[in-house]
Amino acid sequence: MRRRVDTMQKEGMTNPRQTIWDAIRELAGEDLAKHFTVTDVVDRTGLHRKTTSDYFACLVAAEYLAQTQDTPPRFILRKDGGVHAPRLRRDGTAVTQGAGTLNMWRSMRVLAQFTYRDIALHSTTPTVSVTDETAKSFCAMLLATGFLRVIQKADPVKGRLAVYRLIRNDGPKPPQIQRVKQVFDPNTGKVYQRGAV
């Protein structure tokens, strides 16, 4: 039975690209030497053929997969980027939108306590830049909505920054700060208002 993407996400299932990536990694085997087809992945995942073949095209363009000249084409996993499905555009370039927020959230989940500068430092990578201002704003909003607790207050006279601890760690997806200045937690589906802690 095929499932629509929005139905899958409402039911708490992973996104289709993650499902496809998981199947590819399983089919490739530990040594990454096994060949597989789009049909193999469709049969394993129950996803639409077009969804699967579109993501395969992205993975080929980004050189994660190599395609044989067979009919039907067979594929081999050339590089395993890890557990998380590569976020790619059709031309194979990496999607970076939202990567800064995701990196900040991951840093908060790993660090026992932190300042906004720690978050900016730990979240910046060669492909993603997180400024102090961005990290400061993210921390302030998460503090106002009850995701963070102040461990040590800031002291501007001594040049000391506030130290925070994450207290609402609901899952791997980062909270989404919305335009109306509230925070949506995609892990639980709840919305948190400022000051409603």
N, C-alpha and C. Protein backbone atom coordinates (compact mmCIF):
# COMPACT_ATOMS: atom_id res chain seq x y z
N MET A 1 0.84 -1.18 0.00
CA MET A 1 0.00 0.00 0.00
C MET A 1 0.88 1.25 0.00
N ARG A 2 0.66 2.14 -0.92
CA ARG A 2 1.41 3.39 -1.01
C ARG A 2 0.82 4.40 -0.05
N ARG A 3 1.69 5.21 0.58
CA ARG A 3 1.23 6.24 1.52
C ARG A 3 1.65 7.61 1.01
N ARG A 4 0.76 8.57 1.19
CA ARG A 4 1.09 9.95 0.83
C ARG A 4 2.08 10.51 1.85
N VAL A 5 2.90 11.44 1.40
CA VAL A 5 3.93 12.02 2.26
C VAL A 5 3.30 12.70 3.47
N ASP A 6 2.25 13.50 3.28
CA ASP A 6 1.65 14.21 4.41
C ASP A 6 1.03 13.24 5.40
N THR A 7 0.47 12.12 4.93
CA THR A 7 -0.10 11.12 5.83
C THR A 7 1.01 10.47 6.64
N MET A 8 2.13 10.17 5.98
CA MET A 8 3.26 9.56 6.69
C MET A 8 3.75 10.47 7.81
N GLN A 9 3.88 11.76 7.52
CA GLN A 9 4.41 12.68 8.52
C GLN A 9 3.43 12.87 9.67
N LYS A 10 2.12 12.90 9.38
CA LYS A 10 1.12 13.01 10.45
C LYS A 10 1.16 11.80 11.37
N GLU A 11 1.46 10.65 10.79
CA GLU A 11 1.53 9.41 11.58
C GLU A 11 2.87 9.24 12.27
N GLY A 12 3.73 10.27 12.19
CA GLY A 12 5.01 10.23 12.88
C GLY A 12 6.08 9.43 12.18
N MET A 13 5.86 9.10 10.91
CA MET A 13 6.87 8.35 10.17
C MET A 13 7.94 9.31 9.66
N THR A 14 9.10 8.78 9.32
CA THR A 14 10.18 9.61 8.82
C THR A 14 9.82 10.15 7.44
N ASN A 15 10.55 11.16 7.01
CA ASN A 15 10.27 11.71 5.69
C ASN A 15 10.68 10.70 4.62
N PRO A 16 10.09 10.80 3.42
CA PRO A 16 10.35 9.80 2.38
C PRO A 16 11.82 9.66 2.00
N ARG A 17 12.54 10.78 1.93
CA ARG A 17 13.96 10.68 1.56
C ARG A 17 14.75 9.89 2.61
N GLN A 18 14.40 10.07 3.88
CA GLN A 18 15.08 9.31 4.93
C GLN A 18 14.75 7.82 4.79
N THR A 19 13.50 7.51 4.48
CA THR A 19 13.08 6.12 4.29
C THR A 19 13.83 5.49 3.12
N ILE A 20 13.94 6.24 2.02
CA ILE A 20 14.68 5.76 0.84
C ILE A 20 16.15 5.55 1.18
N TRP A 21 16.74 6.51 1.87
CA TRP A 21 18.16 6.43 2.24
C TRP A 21 18.42 5.21 3.13
N ASP A 22 17.54 4.98 4.10
CA ASP A 22 17.69 3.81 4.98
C ASP A 22 17.67 2.52 4.16
N ALA A 23 16.74 2.44 3.20
CA ALA A 23 16.64 1.25 2.36
C ALA A 23 17.89 1.08 1.49
N ILE A 24 18.39 2.17 0.94
CA ILE A 24 19.61 2.11 0.11
C ILE A 24 20.77 1.58 0.93
N ARG A 25 20.94 2.09 2.14
CA ARG A 25 22.06 1.66 2.98
C ARG A 25 21.93 0.18 3.34
N GLU A 26 20.70 -0.28 3.60
CA GLU A 26 20.50 -1.70 3.90
C GLU A 26 20.82 -2.56 2.68
N LEU A 27 20.31 -2.15 1.52
CA LEU A 27 20.52 -2.94 0.30
C LEU A 27 21.98 -2.95 -0.13
N ALA A 28 22.71 -1.88 0.13
CA ALA A 28 24.12 -1.80 -0.28
C ALA A 28 25.00 -2.73 0.54
N GLY A 29 24.57 -3.08 1.73
CA GLY A 29 25.37 -3.95 2.58
C GLY A 29 26.48 -3.20 3.28
N GLU A 30 27.12 -3.85 4.23
CA GLU A 30 28.17 -3.21 5.01
C GLU A 30 29.38 -2.81 4.18
N ASP A 31 29.68 -3.60 3.15
CA ASP A 31 30.85 -3.29 2.32
C ASP A 31 30.51 -2.36 1.15
N LEU A 32 29.26 -1.94 1.04
CA LEU A 32 28.76 -1.03 0.00
C LEU A 32 28.95 -1.58 -1.41
N ALA A 33 29.07 -2.91 -1.54
CA ALA A 33 29.38 -3.50 -2.84
C ALA A 33 28.16 -4.06 -3.57
N LYS A 34 27.02 -4.15 -2.91
CA LYS A 34 25.85 -4.77 -3.53
C LYS A 34 25.11 -3.78 -4.42
N HIS A 35 24.66 -4.28 -5.57
CA HIS A 35 23.87 -3.48 -6.51
C HIS A 35 22.39 -3.57 -6.15
N PHE A 36 21.64 -2.55 -6.52
CA PHE A 36 20.19 -2.52 -6.26
C PHE A 36 19.53 -1.65 -7.32
N THR A 37 18.21 -1.79 -7.41
CA THR A 37 17.45 -1.01 -8.39
C THR A 37 16.44 -0.11 -7.68
N VAL A 38 15.84 0.78 -8.45
CA VAL A 38 14.76 1.62 -7.91
C VAL A 38 13.62 0.72 -7.43
N THR A 39 13.32 -0.33 -8.20
CA THR A 39 12.25 -1.26 -7.83
C THR A 39 12.54 -1.93 -6.48
N ASP A 40 13.79 -2.29 -6.23
CA ASP A 40 14.15 -2.88 -4.93
C ASP A 40 13.77 -1.94 -3.79
N VAL A 41 14.06 -0.66 -3.96
CA VAL A 41 13.77 0.32 -2.90
C VAL A 41 12.27 0.57 -2.80
N VAL A 42 11.57 0.65 -3.93
CA VAL A 42 10.11 0.85 -3.92
C VAL A 42 9.44 -0.32 -3.21
N ASP A 43 9.87 -1.55 -3.53
CA ASP A 43 9.29 -2.73 -2.89
C ASP A 43 9.54 -2.75 -1.39
N ARG A 44 10.71 -2.31 -0.99
CA ARG A 44 11.08 -2.33 0.43
C ARG A 44 10.37 -1.23 1.23
N THR A 45 10.15 -0.07 0.61
CA THR A 45 9.63 1.09 1.34
C THR A 45 8.14 1.32 1.17
N GLY A 46 7.58 0.87 0.04
CA GLY A 46 6.18 1.15 -0.23
C GLY A 46 5.93 2.57 -0.73
N LEU A 47 7.00 3.29 -1.06
CA LEU A 47 6.85 4.65 -1.56
C LEU A 47 6.60 4.64 -3.06
N HIS A 48 6.12 5.76 -3.58
CA HIS A 48 5.87 5.89 -5.01
C HIS A 48 7.18 5.79 -5.79
N ARG A 49 7.10 5.21 -6.97
CA ARG A 49 8.27 5.06 -7.84
C ARG A 49 8.86 6.42 -8.21
N LYS A 50 8.01 7.41 -8.51
CA LYS A 50 8.50 8.74 -8.91
C LYS A 50 9.27 9.39 -7.77
N THR A 51 8.75 9.29 -6.55
CA THR A 51 9.43 9.86 -5.39
C THR A 51 10.81 9.23 -5.25
N THR A 52 10.85 7.92 -5.38
CA THR A 52 12.11 7.18 -5.24
C THR A 52 13.09 7.50 -6.37
N SER A 53 12.61 7.49 -7.61
CA SER A 53 13.52 7.75 -8.74
C SER A 53 14.01 9.20 -8.74
N ASP A 54 13.17 10.14 -8.29
CA ASP A 54 13.61 11.54 -8.20
C ASP A 54 14.76 11.69 -7.20
N TYR A 55 14.65 11.01 -6.04
CA TYR A 55 15.72 11.09 -5.05
C TYR A 55 16.98 10.37 -5.55
N PHE A 56 16.80 9.26 -6.26
CA PHE A 56 17.94 8.58 -6.86
C PHE A 56 18.69 9.53 -7.80
N ALA A 57 17.95 10.31 -8.60
CA ALA A 57 18.58 11.26 -9.54
C ALA A 57 19.42 12.28 -8.78
N CYS A 58 18.90 12.77 -7.64
CA CYS A 58 19.66 13.71 -6.81
C CYS A 58 20.94 13.05 -6.29
N LEU A 59 20.81 11.81 -5.82
CA LEU A 59 21.96 11.09 -5.27
C LEU A 59 23.01 10.79 -6.33
N VAL A 60 22.57 10.51 -7.56
CA VAL A 60 23.51 10.28 -8.66
C VAL A 60 24.23 11.59 -8.99
N ALA A 61 23.47 12.69 -9.07
CA ALA A 61 24.07 13.99 -9.39
C ALA A 61 25.10 14.41 -8.34
N ALA A 62 24.85 14.05 -7.08
CA ALA A 62 25.77 14.39 -5.99
C ALA A 62 26.86 13.34 -5.81
N GLU A 63 26.83 12.31 -6.64
CA GLU A 63 27.82 11.23 -6.63
C GLU A 63 27.79 10.36 -5.38
N TYR A 64 26.62 10.28 -4.75
CA TYR A 64 26.43 9.31 -3.67
C TYR A 64 26.18 7.93 -4.28
N LEU A 65 25.49 7.91 -5.44
CA LEU A 65 25.20 6.67 -6.14
C LEU A 65 25.88 6.69 -7.51
N ALA A 66 26.27 5.50 -7.96
CA ALA A 66 26.76 5.33 -9.33
C ALA A 66 25.75 4.45 -10.05
N GLN A 67 25.44 4.79 -11.29
CA GLN A 67 24.44 4.08 -12.07
C GLN A 67 25.13 3.22 -13.13
N THR A 68 24.67 1.97 -13.26
CA THR A 68 25.21 1.08 -14.29
C THR A 68 24.48 1.34 -15.61
N GLN A 69 24.99 0.77 -16.70
CA GLN A 69 24.35 0.91 -18.01
C GLN A 69 23.32 -0.19 -18.26
N ASP A 70 23.05 -1.02 -17.26
CA ASP A 70 22.09 -2.11 -17.42
C ASP A 70 20.69 -1.57 -17.67
N THR A 71 19.80 -2.46 -18.15
CA THR A 71 18.39 -2.13 -18.28
C THR A 71 17.60 -3.17 -17.51
N PRO A 72 16.85 -2.82 -16.49
CA PRO A 72 16.77 -1.49 -15.88
C PRO A 72 18.08 -1.14 -15.17
N PRO A 73 18.33 0.16 -15.01
CA PRO A 73 19.59 0.57 -14.38
C PRO A 73 19.73 0.02 -12.96
N ARG A 74 20.95 -0.38 -12.64
CA ARG A 74 21.26 -0.78 -11.27
C ARG A 74 22.18 0.27 -10.69
N PHE A 75 22.18 0.34 -9.36
CA PHE A 75 22.94 1.37 -8.67
C PHE A 75 23.84 0.74 -7.62
N ILE A 76 24.89 1.47 -7.28
CA ILE A 76 25.77 1.07 -6.19
C ILE A 76 26.04 2.32 -5.35
N LEU A 77 26.08 2.14 -4.04
CA LEU A 77 26.34 3.26 -3.14
C LEU A 77 27.84 3.56 -3.16
N ARG A 78 28.21 4.75 -3.65
CA ARG A 78 29.63 5.13 -3.76
C ARG A 78 30.15 5.74 -2.48
N LYS A 79 29.33 6.55 -1.84
CA LYS A 79 29.77 7.13 -0.57
C LYS A 79 28.59 7.14 0.40
N ASP A 80 28.86 6.66 1.60
CA ASP A 80 27.84 6.59 2.64
C ASP A 80 28.01 7.80 3.53
N GLY A 81 27.06 8.72 3.46
CA GLY A 81 27.13 9.95 4.23
C GLY A 81 26.66 9.81 5.66
N GLY A 82 26.36 8.60 6.11
CA GLY A 82 25.92 8.40 7.48
C GLY A 82 24.43 8.12 7.57
N VAL A 83 23.93 8.14 8.78
CA VAL A 83 22.55 7.75 9.07
C VAL A 83 21.54 8.71 8.45
N HIS A 84 21.84 10.00 8.47
CA HIS A 84 20.89 11.00 7.98
C HIS A 84 20.94 11.10 6.46
N ALA A 85 19.76 11.11 5.85
CA ALA A 85 19.67 11.21 4.39
C ALA A 85 20.26 12.53 3.92
N PRO A 86 21.08 12.50 2.88
CA PRO A 86 21.62 13.75 2.34
C PRO A 86 20.48 14.65 1.85
N ARG A 87 20.55 15.92 2.24
CA ARG A 87 19.55 16.90 1.80
C ARG A 87 20.08 17.55 0.54
N LEU A 88 19.48 17.19 -0.59
CA LEU A 88 20.01 17.59 -1.89
C LEU A 88 18.95 18.23 -2.78
N ARG A 89 19.41 19.14 -3.63
CA ARG A 89 18.57 19.68 -4.70
C ARG A 89 18.65 18.74 -5.90
N ARG A 90 17.85 18.99 -6.91
CA ARG A 90 17.85 18.14 -8.11
C ARG A 90 19.21 18.05 -8.78
N ASP A 91 19.96 19.16 -8.73
CA ASP A 91 21.27 19.17 -9.40
C ASP A 91 22.37 18.54 -8.55
N GLY A 92 22.01 18.04 -7.37
CA GLY A 92 22.99 17.36 -6.51
C GLY A 92 23.67 18.25 -5.50
N THR A 93 23.39 19.55 -5.52
CA THR A 93 24.00 20.44 -4.53
C THR A 93 23.28 20.30 -3.20
N ALA A 94 24.00 20.52 -2.13
CA ALA A 94 23.44 20.35 -0.79
C ALA A 94 22.48 21.49 -0.44
N VAL A 95 21.40 21.14 0.24
CA VAL A 95 20.46 22.13 0.76
C VAL A 95 21.00 22.60 2.10
N THR A 96 21.15 23.91 2.26
CA THR A 96 21.69 24.44 3.51
C THR A 96 20.64 25.19 4.32
N GLN A 97 19.45 25.46 3.75
CA GLN A 97 18.41 26.18 4.48
C GLN A 97 18.02 25.37 5.72
N GLY A 98 18.02 26.02 6.87
CA GLY A 98 17.65 25.36 8.12
C GLY A 98 18.80 24.61 8.78
N ALA A 99 19.94 24.55 8.11
CA ALA A 99 21.08 23.80 8.65
C ALA A 99 21.65 24.48 9.89
N GLY A 100 21.63 25.81 9.93
CA GLY A 100 22.13 26.53 11.11
C GLY A 100 21.30 26.22 12.34
N THR A 101 19.98 26.25 12.19
CA THR A 101 19.08 25.94 13.30
C THR A 101 19.27 24.50 13.75
N LEU A 102 19.37 23.60 12.79
CA LEU A 102 19.59 22.19 13.12
C LEU A 102 20.90 22.01 13.87
N ASN A 103 21.97 22.67 13.42
CA ASN A 103 23.26 22.57 14.09
C ASN A 103 23.20 23.14 15.50
N MET A 104 22.50 24.28 15.68
CA MET A 104 22.38 24.86 17.03
C MET A 104 21.64 23.91 17.95
N TRP A 105 20.56 23.30 17.47
CA TRP A 105 19.78 22.36 18.28
C TRP A 105 20.63 21.14 18.65
N ARG A 106 21.35 20.61 17.70
CA ARG A 106 22.22 19.45 17.98
C ARG A 106 23.28 19.81 19.01
N SER A 107 23.84 21.01 18.90
CA SER A 107 24.86 21.46 19.86
C SER A 107 24.27 21.56 21.26
N MET A 108 23.07 22.12 21.36
CA MET A 108 22.41 22.24 22.66
C MET A 108 22.15 20.88 23.27
N ARG A 109 21.78 19.91 22.44
CA ARG A 109 21.48 18.57 22.95
C ARG A 109 22.74 17.86 23.44
N VAL A 110 23.89 18.20 22.88
CA VAL A 110 25.15 17.53 23.23
C VAL A 110 25.83 18.19 24.43
N LEU A 111 25.82 19.53 24.45
CA LEU A 111 26.53 20.25 25.51
C LEU A 111 25.71 20.26 26.80
N ALA A 112 26.36 20.03 27.93
CA ALA A 112 25.66 20.03 29.22
C ALA A 112 25.19 21.44 29.57
N GLN A 113 26.05 22.41 29.39
CA GLN A 113 25.68 23.82 29.58
C GLN A 113 26.47 24.65 28.60
N PHE A 114 25.94 25.83 28.27
CA PHE A 114 26.53 26.59 27.18
C PHE A 114 26.11 28.05 27.23
N THR A 115 26.89 28.89 26.55
CA THR A 115 26.52 30.28 26.30
C THR A 115 26.09 30.37 24.84
N TYR A 116 25.54 31.51 24.46
CA TYR A 116 25.17 31.64 23.05
C TYR A 116 26.41 31.60 22.15
N ARG A 117 27.54 32.06 22.66
CA ARG A 117 28.78 32.00 21.86
C ARG A 117 29.25 30.56 21.65
N ASP A 118 29.07 29.73 22.70
CA ASP A 118 29.40 28.31 22.56
C ASP A 118 28.57 27.69 21.44
N ILE A 119 27.28 28.04 21.42
CA ILE A 119 26.39 27.49 20.40
C ILE A 119 26.82 27.95 19.01
N ALA A 120 27.13 29.24 18.87
CA ALA A 120 27.58 29.75 17.56
C ALA A 120 28.86 29.03 17.12
N LEU A 121 29.79 28.85 18.04
CA LEU A 121 31.07 28.21 17.73
C LEU A 121 30.88 26.74 17.33
N HIS A 122 30.09 26.00 18.12
CA HIS A 122 29.89 24.58 17.87
C HIS A 122 28.99 24.30 16.67
N SER A 123 28.22 25.30 16.24
CA SER A 123 27.26 25.10 15.15
C SER A 123 27.79 25.52 13.79
N THR A 124 28.90 26.22 13.77
CA THR A 124 29.48 26.67 12.51
C THR A 124 30.35 25.57 11.92
N THR A 125 30.12 25.30 10.65
CA THR A 125 30.87 24.28 9.92
C THR A 125 31.44 24.92 8.65
N PRO A 126 32.22 24.18 7.87
CA PRO A 126 32.72 24.78 6.62
C PRO A 126 31.61 25.22 5.66
N THR A 127 30.43 24.60 5.74
CA THR A 127 29.34 24.94 4.82
C THR A 127 28.23 25.75 5.46
N VAL A 128 28.21 25.85 6.80
CA VAL A 128 27.13 26.55 7.51
C VAL A 128 27.75 27.55 8.48
N SER A 129 27.30 28.80 8.40
CA SER A 129 27.80 29.83 9.30
C SER A 129 26.69 30.26 10.26
N VAL A 130 26.97 30.20 11.55
CA VAL A 130 26.03 30.66 12.58
C VAL A 130 26.69 31.82 13.31
N THR A 131 26.10 33.00 13.23
CA THR A 131 26.66 34.19 13.88
C THR A 131 26.30 34.21 15.36
N ASP A 132 27.03 35.02 16.13
CA ASP A 132 26.70 35.20 17.55
C ASP A 132 25.28 35.72 17.70
N GLU A 133 24.89 36.68 16.84
CA GLU A 133 23.54 37.26 16.93
C GLU A 133 22.46 36.22 16.69
N THR A 134 22.66 35.36 15.72
CA THR A 134 21.69 34.30 15.43
C THR A 134 21.57 33.36 16.62
N ALA A 135 22.69 32.95 17.18
CA ALA A 135 22.68 32.05 18.34
C ALA A 135 22.06 32.73 19.55
N LYS A 136 22.35 34.02 19.74
CA LYS A 136 21.80 34.77 20.87
C LYS A 136 20.28 34.86 20.76
N SER A 137 19.78 35.15 19.57
CA SER A 137 18.34 35.24 19.32
C SER A 137 17.65 33.89 19.54
N PHE A 138 18.27 32.81 19.04
CA PHE A 138 17.71 31.47 19.19
C PHE A 138 17.64 31.09 20.67
N CYS A 139 18.72 31.35 21.41
CA CYS A 139 18.74 31.05 22.85
C CYS A 139 17.68 31.87 23.59
N ALA A 140 17.56 33.16 23.25
CA ALA A 140 16.59 34.02 23.93
C ALA A 140 15.16 33.52 23.72
N MET A 141 14.83 33.10 22.51
CA MET A 141 13.48 32.62 22.23
C MET A 141 13.22 31.28 22.92
N LEU A 142 14.21 30.40 22.93
CA LEU A 142 14.02 29.11 23.61
C LEU A 142 13.94 29.29 25.12
N LEU A 143 14.65 30.28 25.66
CA LEU A 143 14.55 30.59 27.08
C LEU A 143 13.15 31.11 27.41
N ALA A 144 12.64 32.01 26.58
CA ALA A 144 11.33 32.62 26.82
C ALA A 144 10.19 31.61 26.71
N THR A 145 10.40 30.52 25.98
CA THR A 145 9.34 29.53 25.81
C THR A 145 9.58 28.25 26.62
N GLY A 146 10.55 28.28 27.52
CA GLY A 146 10.73 27.18 28.46
C GLY A 146 11.57 26.02 28.00
N PHE A 147 12.33 26.18 26.93
CA PHE A 147 13.22 25.11 26.48
C PHE A 147 14.55 25.14 27.21
N LEU A 148 14.96 26.34 27.65
CA LEU A 148 16.24 26.52 28.33
C LEU A 148 16.04 27.05 29.74
N ARG A 149 17.03 26.79 30.58
CA ARG A 149 17.06 27.35 31.93
C ARG A 149 18.40 28.06 32.09
N VAL A 150 18.38 29.21 32.79
CA VAL A 150 19.61 29.95 33.05
C VAL A 150 20.32 29.28 34.23
N ILE A 151 21.55 28.86 34.02
CA ILE A 151 22.36 28.25 35.07
C ILE A 151 23.16 29.33 35.79
N GLN A 152 23.64 30.30 35.01
CA GLN A 152 24.40 31.41 35.57
C GLN A 152 24.01 32.68 34.81
N LYS A 153 23.57 33.69 35.56
CA LYS A 153 23.13 34.94 34.93
C LYS A 153 24.31 35.67 34.31
N ALA A 154 23.98 36.44 33.28
CA ALA A 154 25.00 37.26 32.62
C ALA A 154 25.42 38.40 33.55
N ASP A 155 26.68 38.79 33.46
CA ASP A 155 27.19 39.93 34.21
C ASP A 155 28.01 40.78 33.25
N PRO A 156 27.35 41.77 32.61
CA PRO A 156 28.04 42.58 31.60
C PRO A 156 29.25 43.34 32.16
N VAL A 157 29.20 43.72 33.45
CA VAL A 157 30.32 44.45 34.05
C VAL A 157 31.58 43.58 34.03
N LYS A 158 31.42 42.30 34.33
CA LYS A 158 32.56 41.37 34.35
C LYS A 158 32.79 40.72 32.98
N GLY A 159 31.93 41.05 32.02
CA GLY A 159 32.07 40.46 30.68
C GLY A 159 31.66 39.01 30.63
N ARG A 160 30.77 38.61 31.55
CA ARG A 160 30.34 37.21 31.62
C ARG A 160 29.00 37.04 30.92
N LEU A 161 28.90 36.04 30.08
CA LEU A 161 27.67 35.74 29.37
C LEU A 161 26.79 34.80 30.19
N ALA A 162 25.50 34.81 29.92
CA ALA A 162 24.58 33.88 30.58
C ALA A 162 24.93 32.45 30.15
N VAL A 163 24.81 31.54 31.10
CA VAL A 163 25.05 30.12 30.83
C VAL A 163 23.71 29.41 30.92
N TYR A 164 23.40 28.61 29.89
CA TYR A 164 22.11 27.94 29.78
C TYR A 164 22.27 26.42 29.87
N ARG A 165 21.13 25.77 30.14
CA ARG A 165 21.03 24.31 30.06
C ARG A 165 19.72 23.99 29.36
N LEU A 166 19.75 23.02 28.47
CA LEU A 166 18.55 22.57 27.77
C LEU A 166 17.71 21.73 28.73
N ILE A 167 16.44 22.11 28.92
CA ILE A 167 15.58 21.35 29.84
C ILE A 167 14.41 20.68 29.12
N ARG A 168 14.13 21.07 27.89
CA ARG A 168 13.06 20.44 27.12
C ARG A 168 13.67 19.85 25.85
N ASN A 169 14.18 18.65 25.98
CA ASN A 169 14.82 17.95 24.87
C ASN A 169 13.86 16.89 24.36
N ASP A 170 12.95 17.30 23.48
CA ASP A 170 11.88 16.42 23.03
C ASP A 170 12.24 15.53 21.85
N GLY A 171 13.38 15.75 21.23
CA GLY A 171 13.75 14.91 20.10
C GLY A 171 14.75 15.59 19.19
N PRO A 172 15.07 14.93 18.08
CA PRO A 172 16.14 15.41 17.20
C PRO A 172 15.78 16.60 16.32
N LYS A 173 14.51 16.86 16.10
CA LYS A 173 14.13 17.98 15.23
C LYS A 173 14.18 19.29 16.01
N PRO A 174 14.77 20.33 15.43
CA PRO A 174 14.90 21.61 16.15
C PRO A 174 13.56 22.32 16.28
N PRO A 175 13.32 23.00 17.41
CA PRO A 175 12.11 23.82 17.54
C PRO A 175 12.11 24.89 16.46
N GLN A 176 10.93 25.20 15.97
CA GLN A 176 10.80 26.18 14.90
C GLN A 176 10.24 27.48 15.45
N ILE A 177 11.02 28.54 15.36
CA ILE A 177 10.55 29.85 15.81
C ILE A 177 9.69 30.42 14.69
N GLN A 178 8.44 30.73 15.04
CA GLN A 178 7.49 31.20 14.03
C GLN A 178 7.40 32.72 14.03
N ARG A 179 6.86 33.27 12.97
CA ARG A 179 6.78 34.73 12.82
C ARG A 179 6.01 35.40 13.93
N VAL A 180 5.03 34.72 14.49
CA VAL A 180 4.22 35.32 15.56
C VAL A 180 4.90 35.20 16.92
N LYS A 181 6.21 34.91 16.89
CA LYS A 181 7.04 34.83 18.09
C LYS A 181 6.54 33.77 19.07
N GLN A 182 6.30 32.61 18.53
CA GLN A 182 6.03 31.44 19.34
C GLN A 182 6.93 30.33 18.79
N VAL A 183 7.03 29.24 19.53
CA VAL A 183 7.92 28.15 19.13
C VAL A 183 7.10 26.89 18.93
N PHE A 184 7.27 26.26 17.76
CA PHE A 184 6.61 25.00 17.45
C PHE A 184 7.63 23.88 17.60
N ASP A 185 7.25 22.83 18.37
CA ASP A 185 8.13 21.67 18.54
C ASP A 185 7.64 20.56 17.62
N PRO A 186 8.35 20.28 16.52
CA PRO A 186 7.90 19.25 15.58
C PRO A 186 7.99 17.83 16.14
N ASN A 187 8.71 17.66 17.24
CA ASN A 187 8.82 16.33 17.85
C ASN A 187 7.55 15.95 18.59
N THR A 188 6.88 16.95 19.18
CA THR A 188 5.66 16.68 19.96
C THR A 188 4.41 17.26 19.32
N GLY A 189 4.58 18.20 18.36
CA GLY A 189 3.44 18.85 17.74
C GLY A 189 2.85 19.97 18.58
N LYS A 190 3.54 20.38 19.66
CA LYS A 190 3.03 21.43 20.55
C LYS A 190 3.59 22.79 20.17
N VAL A 191 2.82 23.83 20.53
CA VAL A 191 3.24 25.22 20.33
C VAL A 191 3.45 25.84 21.70
N TYR A 192 4.58 26.54 21.87
CA TYR A 192 4.90 27.18 23.14
C TYR A 192 4.93 28.69 22.96
N GLN A 193 4.18 29.39 23.82
CA GLN A 193 4.11 30.85 23.78
C GLN A 193 5.19 31.44 24.67
N ARG A 194 5.58 32.67 24.39
CA ARG A 194 6.54 33.37 25.24
C ARG A 194 5.97 33.54 26.64
N GLY A 195 6.75 33.28 27.65
CA GLY A 195 6.36 33.50 29.04
C GLY A 195 5.38 32.48 29.59
N ALA A 196 4.95 31.52 28.79
CA ALA A 196 4.01 30.49 29.26
C ALA A 196 4.79 29.25 29.68
N VAL A 197 5.66 29.42 30.67
CA VAL A 197 6.53 28.32 31.11
C VAL A 197 5.91 27.62 32.28
